[in-house]
Amino acid sequence: NATKVVLDKQDGPVILAGHSWGGA
């Protein structure tokens, strides 16, 4: 949910990168 809040604020396409737990 916190990630989606940040995504909502972006102006264009986003590439998400995750390490360890971040992959989930």
PDB file of all heavy atoms in Angstrom:
ATOM      1  N   ASN A   1       0.826  -1.215   0.000  1.00  0.00           N
ATOM      2  CA  ASN A   1       0.000   0.000   0.000  1.00  0.00           C
ATOM      3  C   ASN A   1       0.856   1.259   0.000  1.00  0.00           C
ATOM      4  O   ASN A   1       0.556   2.218  -0.718  1.00  0.00           O
ATOM      5  CB  ASN A   1      -0.959  -0.002   1.192  1.00  0.00           C
ATOM      6  CG  ASN A   1      -2.079  -0.999   1.025  1.00  0.00           C
ATOM      7  OD1 ASN A   1      -2.423  -1.393  -0.086  1.00  0.00           O
ATOM      8  ND2 ASN A   1      -2.650  -1.435   2.131  1.00  0.00           N
ATOM      9  N   ALA A   2       1.938   1.263   0.771  1.00  0.00           N
ATOM     10  CA  ALA A   2       2.839   2.423   0.795  1.00  0.00           C
ATOM     11  C   ALA A   2       3.483   2.629  -0.571  1.00  0.00           C
ATOM     12  O   ALA A   2       3.626   3.767  -1.042  1.00  0.00           O
ATOM     13  CB  ALA A   2       3.909   2.235   1.867  1.00  0.00           C
ATOM     14  N   THR A   3       3.840   1.545  -1.230  1.00  0.00           N
ATOM     15  CA  THR A   3       4.432   1.634  -2.568  1.00  0.00           C
ATOM     16  C   THR A   3       3.437   2.203  -3.561  1.00  0.00           C
ATOM     17  O   THR A   3       3.769   3.067  -4.384  1.00  0.00           O
ATOM     18  CB  THR A   3       4.918   0.242  -3.034  1.00  0.00           C
ATOM     19  OG1 THR A   3       5.863  -0.250  -2.075  1.00  0.00           O
ATOM     20  CG2 THR A   3       5.555   0.300  -4.405  1.00  0.00           C
ATOM     21  N   LYS A   4       2.197   1.770  -3.470  1.00  0.00           N
ATOM     22  CA  LYS A   4       1.162   2.258  -4.392  1.00  0.00           C
ATOM     23  C   LYS A   4       0.853   3.738  -4.173  1.00  0.00           C
ATOM     24  O   LYS A   4       0.556   4.449  -5.133  1.00  0.00           O
ATOM     25  CB  LYS A   4      -0.096   1.402  -4.275  1.00  0.00           C
ATOM     26  CG  LYS A   4       0.099   0.023  -4.884  1.00  0.00           C
ATOM     27  CD  LYS A   4      -1.163  -0.812  -4.819  1.00  0.00           C
ATOM     28  CE  LYS A   4      -0.970  -2.136  -5.536  1.00  0.00           C
ATOM     29  NZ  LYS A   4      -2.193  -2.953  -5.534  1.00  0.00           N
ATOM     30  N   VAL A   5       0.956   4.203  -2.938  1.00  0.00           N
ATOM     31  CA  VAL A   5       0.764   5.636  -2.661  1.00  0.00           C
ATOM     32  C   VAL A   5       1.824   6.452  -3.399  1.00  0.00           C
ATOM     33  O   VAL A   5       1.530   7.479  -4.019  1.00  0.00           O
ATOM     34  CB  VAL A   5       0.801   5.921  -1.139  1.00  0.00           C
ATOM     35  CG1 VAL A   5       0.930   7.408  -0.854  1.00  0.00           C
ATOM     36  CG2 VAL A   5      -0.438   5.355  -0.467  1.00  0.00           C
ATOM     37  N   VAL A   6       3.068   5.981  -3.350  1.00  0.00           N
ATOM     38  CA  VAL A   6       4.156   6.675  -4.046  1.00  0.00           C
ATOM     39  C   VAL A   6       3.953   6.588  -5.558  1.00  0.00           C
ATOM     40  O   VAL A   6       4.149   7.576  -6.273  1.00  0.00           O
ATOM     41  CB  VAL A   6       5.528   6.088  -3.639  1.00  0.00           C
ATOM     42  CG1 VAL A   6       6.640   6.675  -4.477  1.00  0.00           C
ATOM     43  CG2 VAL A   6       5.779   6.331  -2.160  1.00  0.00           C
ATOM     44  N   LEU A   7       3.540   5.432  -6.048  1.00  0.00           N
ATOM     45  CA  LEU A   7       3.297   5.277  -7.490  1.00  0.00           C
ATOM     46  C   LEU A   7       2.219   6.242  -7.980  1.00  0.00           C
ATOM     47  O   LEU A   7       2.341   6.807  -9.070  1.00  0.00           O
ATOM     48  CB  LEU A   7       2.894   3.835  -7.808  1.00  0.00           C
ATOM     49  CG  LEU A   7       3.997   2.792  -7.689  1.00  0.00           C
ATOM     50  CD1 LEU A   7       3.408   1.400  -7.765  1.00  0.00           C
ATOM     51  CD2 LEU A   7       5.050   2.998  -8.759  1.00  0.00           C
ATOM     52  N   ASP A   8       1.183   6.425  -7.193  1.00  0.00           N
ATOM     53  CA  ASP A   8       0.095   7.341  -7.568  1.00  0.00           C
ATOM     54  C   ASP A   8       0.603   8.764  -7.790  1.00  0.00           C
ATOM     55  O   ASP A   8       0.033   9.515  -8.580  1.00  0.00           O
ATOM     56  CB  ASP A   8      -0.987   7.369  -6.491  1.00  0.00           C
ATOM     57  CG  ASP A   8      -1.835   6.114  -6.468  1.00  0.00           C
ATOM     58  OD1 ASP A   8      -1.920   5.419  -7.500  1.00  0.00           O
ATOM     59  OD2 ASP A   8      -2.430   5.834  -5.405  1.00  0.00           O
ATOM     60  N   LYS A   9       1.679   9.132  -7.125  1.00  0.00           N
ATOM     61  CA  LYS A   9       2.209  10.498  -7.193  1.00  0.00           C
ATOM     62  C   LYS A   9       3.180  10.713  -8.346  1.00  0.00           C
ATOM     63  O   LYS A   9       3.615  11.835  -8.583  1.00  0.00           O
ATOM     64  CB  LYS A   9       2.895  10.846  -5.878  1.00  0.00           C
ATOM     65  CG  LYS A   9       1.927  10.871  -4.707  1.00  0.00           C
ATOM     66  CD  LYS A   9       2.635  11.165  -3.414  1.00  0.00           C
ATOM     67  CE  LYS A   9       1.632  11.158  -2.268  1.00  0.00           C
ATOM     68  NZ  LYS A   9       2.271  11.454  -0.990  1.00  0.00           N
ATOM     69  N   GLN A  10       3.516   9.651  -9.074  1.00  0.00           N
ATOM     70  CA  GLN A  10       4.479   9.763 -10.163  1.00  0.00           C
ATOM     71  C   GLN A  10       3.801  10.264 -11.436  1.00  0.00           C
ATOM     72  O   GLN A  10       2.641   9.972 -11.679  1.00  0.00           O
ATOM     73  CB  GLN A  10       5.151   8.420 -10.421  1.00  0.00           C
ATOM     74  CG  GLN A  10       5.848   7.846  -9.197  1.00  0.00           C
ATOM     75  CD  GLN A  10       6.781   8.832  -8.527  1.00  0.00           C
ATOM     76  OE1 GLN A  10       7.699   9.360  -9.146  1.00  0.00           O
ATOM     77  NE2 GLN A  10       6.535   9.099  -7.251  1.00  0.00           N
ATOM     78  N   ASP A  11       4.558  11.013 -12.243  1.00  0.00           N
ATOM     79  CA  ASP A  11       4.014  11.603 -13.465  1.00  0.00           C
ATOM     80  C   ASP A  11       4.009  10.657 -14.660  1.00  0.00           C
ATOM     81  O   ASP A  11       3.251  10.851 -15.603  1.00  0.00           O
ATOM     82  CB  ASP A  11       4.806  12.865 -13.849  1.00  0.00           C
ATOM     83  CG  ASP A  11       4.590  13.991 -12.853  1.00  0.00           C
ATOM     84  OD1 ASP A  11       3.501  14.078 -12.272  1.00  0.00           O
ATOM     85  OD2 ASP A  11       5.537  14.771 -12.659  1.00  0.00           O
ATOM     86  N   GLY A  12       4.851   9.651 -14.644  1.00  0.00           N
ATOM     87  CA  GLY A  12       4.956   8.771 -15.803  1.00  0.00           C
ATOM     88  C   GLY A  12       5.232   7.344 -15.389  1.00  0.00           C
ATOM     89  O   GLY A  12       5.092   6.989 -14.217  1.00  0.00           O
ATOM     90  N   PRO A  13       5.636   6.529 -16.345  1.00  0.00           N
ATOM     91  CA  PRO A  13       5.911   5.122 -16.072  1.00  0.00           C
ATOM     92  C   PRO A  13       7.056   4.952 -15.069  1.00  0.00           C
ATOM     93  O   PRO A  13       7.976   5.767 -15.010  1.00  0.00           O
ATOM     94  CB  PRO A  13       6.320   4.554 -17.428  1.00  0.00           C
ATOM     95  CG  PRO A  13       5.941   5.561 -18.438  1.00  0.00           C
ATOM     96  CD  PRO A  13       5.840   6.878 -17.746  1.00  0.00           C
ATOM     97  N   VAL A  14       6.968   3.880 -14.301  1.00  0.00           N
ATOM     98  CA  VAL A  14       7.926   3.614 -13.233  1.00  0.00           C
ATOM     99  C   VAL A  14       8.477   2.197 -13.387  1.00  0.00           C
ATOM    100  O   VAL A  14       7.746   1.275 -13.742  1.00  0.00           O
ATOM    101  CB  VAL A  14       7.229   3.743 -11.860  1.00  0.00           C
ATOM    102  CG1 VAL A  14       8.149   3.350 -10.730  1.00  0.00           C
ATOM    103  CG2 VAL A  14       6.704   5.153 -11.651  1.00  0.00           C
ATOM    104  N   ILE A  15       9.756   2.037 -13.101  1.00  0.00           N
ATOM    105  CA  ILE A  15      10.362   0.718 -12.995  1.00  0.00           C
ATOM    106  C   ILE A  15      10.615   0.470 -11.514  1.00  0.00           C
ATOM    107  O   ILE A  15      11.303   1.247 -10.856  1.00  0.00           O
ATOM    108  CB  ILE A  15      11.683   0.632 -13.785  1.00  0.00           C
ATOM    109  CG1 ILE A  15      11.413   0.837 -15.274  1.00  0.00           C
ATOM    110  CG2 ILE A  15      12.379  -0.703 -13.529  1.00  0.00           C
ATOM    111  CD1 ILE A  15      12.651   0.938 -16.124  1.00  0.00           C
ATOM    112  N   LEU A  16      10.018  -0.607 -10.996  1.00  0.00           N
ATOM    113  CA  LEU A  16      10.220  -0.952  -9.591  1.00  0.00           C
ATOM    114  C   LEU A  16      11.358  -1.947  -9.482  1.00  0.00           C
ATOM    115  O   LEU A  16      11.422  -2.915 -10.238  1.00  0.00           O
ATOM    116  CB  LEU A  16       8.958  -1.588  -8.998  1.00  0.00           C
ATOM    117  CG  LEU A  16       7.727  -0.706  -8.845  1.00  0.00           C
ATOM    118  CD1 LEU A  16       6.578  -1.525  -8.252  1.00  0.00           C
ATOM    119  CD2 LEU A  16       8.028   0.496  -7.967  1.00  0.00           C
ATOM    120  N   ALA A  17      12.251  -1.705  -8.539  1.00  0.00           N
ATOM    121  CA  ALA A  17      13.334  -2.641  -8.250  1.00  0.00           C
ATOM    122  C   ALA A  17      13.195  -3.098  -6.812  1.00  0.00           C
ATOM    123  O   ALA A  17      12.891  -2.297  -5.921  1.00  0.00           O
ATOM    124  CB  ALA A  17      14.687  -1.968  -8.459  1.00  0.00           C
ATOM    125  N   GLY A  18      13.381  -4.394  -6.600  1.00  0.00           N
ATOM    126  CA  GLY A  18      13.259  -4.918  -5.250  1.00  0.00           C
ATOM    127  C   GLY A  18      14.415  -5.833  -4.905  1.00  0.00           C
ATOM    128  O   GLY A  18      14.850  -6.643  -5.715  1.00  0.00           O
ATOM    129  N   HIS A  19      14.913  -5.682  -3.686  1.00  0.00           N
ATOM    130  CA  HIS A  19      15.976  -6.531  -3.159  1.00  0.00           C
ATOM    131  C   HIS A  19      15.409  -7.293  -1.964  1.00  0.00           C
ATOM    132  O   HIS A  19      14.725  -6.710  -1.122  1.00  0.00           O
ATOM    133  CB  HIS A  19      17.162  -5.662  -2.720  1.00  0.00           C
ATOM    134  CG  HIS A  19      18.217  -6.440  -2.002  1.00  0.00           C
ATOM    135  ND1 HIS A  19      18.216  -6.586  -0.641  1.00  0.00           N
ATOM    136  CD2 HIS A  19      19.275  -7.141  -2.461  1.00  0.00           C
ATOM    137  CE1 HIS A  19      19.253  -7.323  -0.288  1.00  0.00           C
ATOM    138  NE2 HIS A  19      19.906  -7.674  -1.374  1.00  0.00           N
ATOM    139  N   SER A  20      15.665  -8.585  -1.906  1.00  0.00           N
ATOM    140  CA  SER A  20      15.242  -9.429  -0.807  1.00  0.00           C
ATOM    141  C   SER A  20      13.726  -9.333  -0.626  1.00  0.00           C
ATOM    142  O   SER A  20      12.974  -9.601  -1.559  1.00  0.00           O
ATOM    143  CB  SER A  20      16.013  -9.052   0.459  1.00  0.00           C
ATOM    144  OG  SER A  20      15.755  -9.974   1.484  1.00  0.00           O
ATOM    145  N   TRP A  21      13.270  -8.908   0.535  1.00  0.00           N
ATOM    146  CA  TRP A  21      11.831  -8.766   0.820  1.00  0.00           C
ATOM    147  C   TRP A  21      11.147  -7.866  -0.197  1.00  0.00           C
ATOM    148  O   TRP A  21       9.979  -8.056  -0.547  1.00  0.00           O
ATOM    149  CB  TRP A  21      11.641  -8.204   2.231  1.00  0.00           C
ATOM    150  CG  TRP A  21      10.245  -7.764   2.553  1.00  0.00           C
ATOM    151  CD1 TRP A  21       9.776  -6.472   2.554  1.00  0.00           C
ATOM    152  CD2 TRP A  21       9.143  -8.587   2.900  1.00  0.00           C
ATOM    153  NE1 TRP A  21       8.443  -6.451   2.889  1.00  0.00           N
ATOM    154  CE2 TRP A  21       8.030  -7.758   3.105  1.00  0.00           C
ATOM    155  CE3 TRP A  21       8.969  -9.950   3.049  1.00  0.00           C
ATOM    156  CZ2 TRP A  21       6.788  -8.231   3.465  1.00  0.00           C
ATOM    157  CZ3 TRP A  21       7.730 -10.416   3.412  1.00  0.00           C
ATOM    158  CH2 TRP A  21       6.658  -9.562   3.616  1.00  0.00           C
ATOM    159  N   GLY A  22      11.868  -6.896  -0.707  1.00  0.00           N
ATOM    160  CA  GLY A  22      11.306  -5.967  -1.688  1.00  0.00           C
ATOM    161  C   GLY A  22      10.800  -6.666  -2.938  1.00  0.00           C
ATOM    162  O   GLY A  22       9.915  -6.158  -3.626  1.00  0.00           O
ATOM    163  N   GLY A  23      11.338  -7.853  -3.229  1.00  0.00           N
ATOM    164  CA  GLY A  23      10.852  -8.616  -4.373  1.00  0.00           C
ATOM    165  C   GLY A  23       9.394  -8.999  -4.222  1.00  0.00           C
ATOM    166  O   GLY A  23       8.610  -8.935  -5.176  1.00  0.00           O
ATOM    167  N   ALA A  24       9.018  -9.382  -3.017  1.00  0.00           N
ATOM    168  CA  ALA A  24       7.614  -9.711  -2.748  1.00  0.00           C
ATOM    169  C   ALA A  24       6.742  -8.465  -2.864  1.00  0.00           C
ATOM    170  O   ALA A  24       5.638  -8.510  -3.409  1.00  0.00           O
ATOM    171  CB  ALA A  24       7.482 -10.331  -1.363  1.00  0.00           C
TER     172      ALA A  24
END
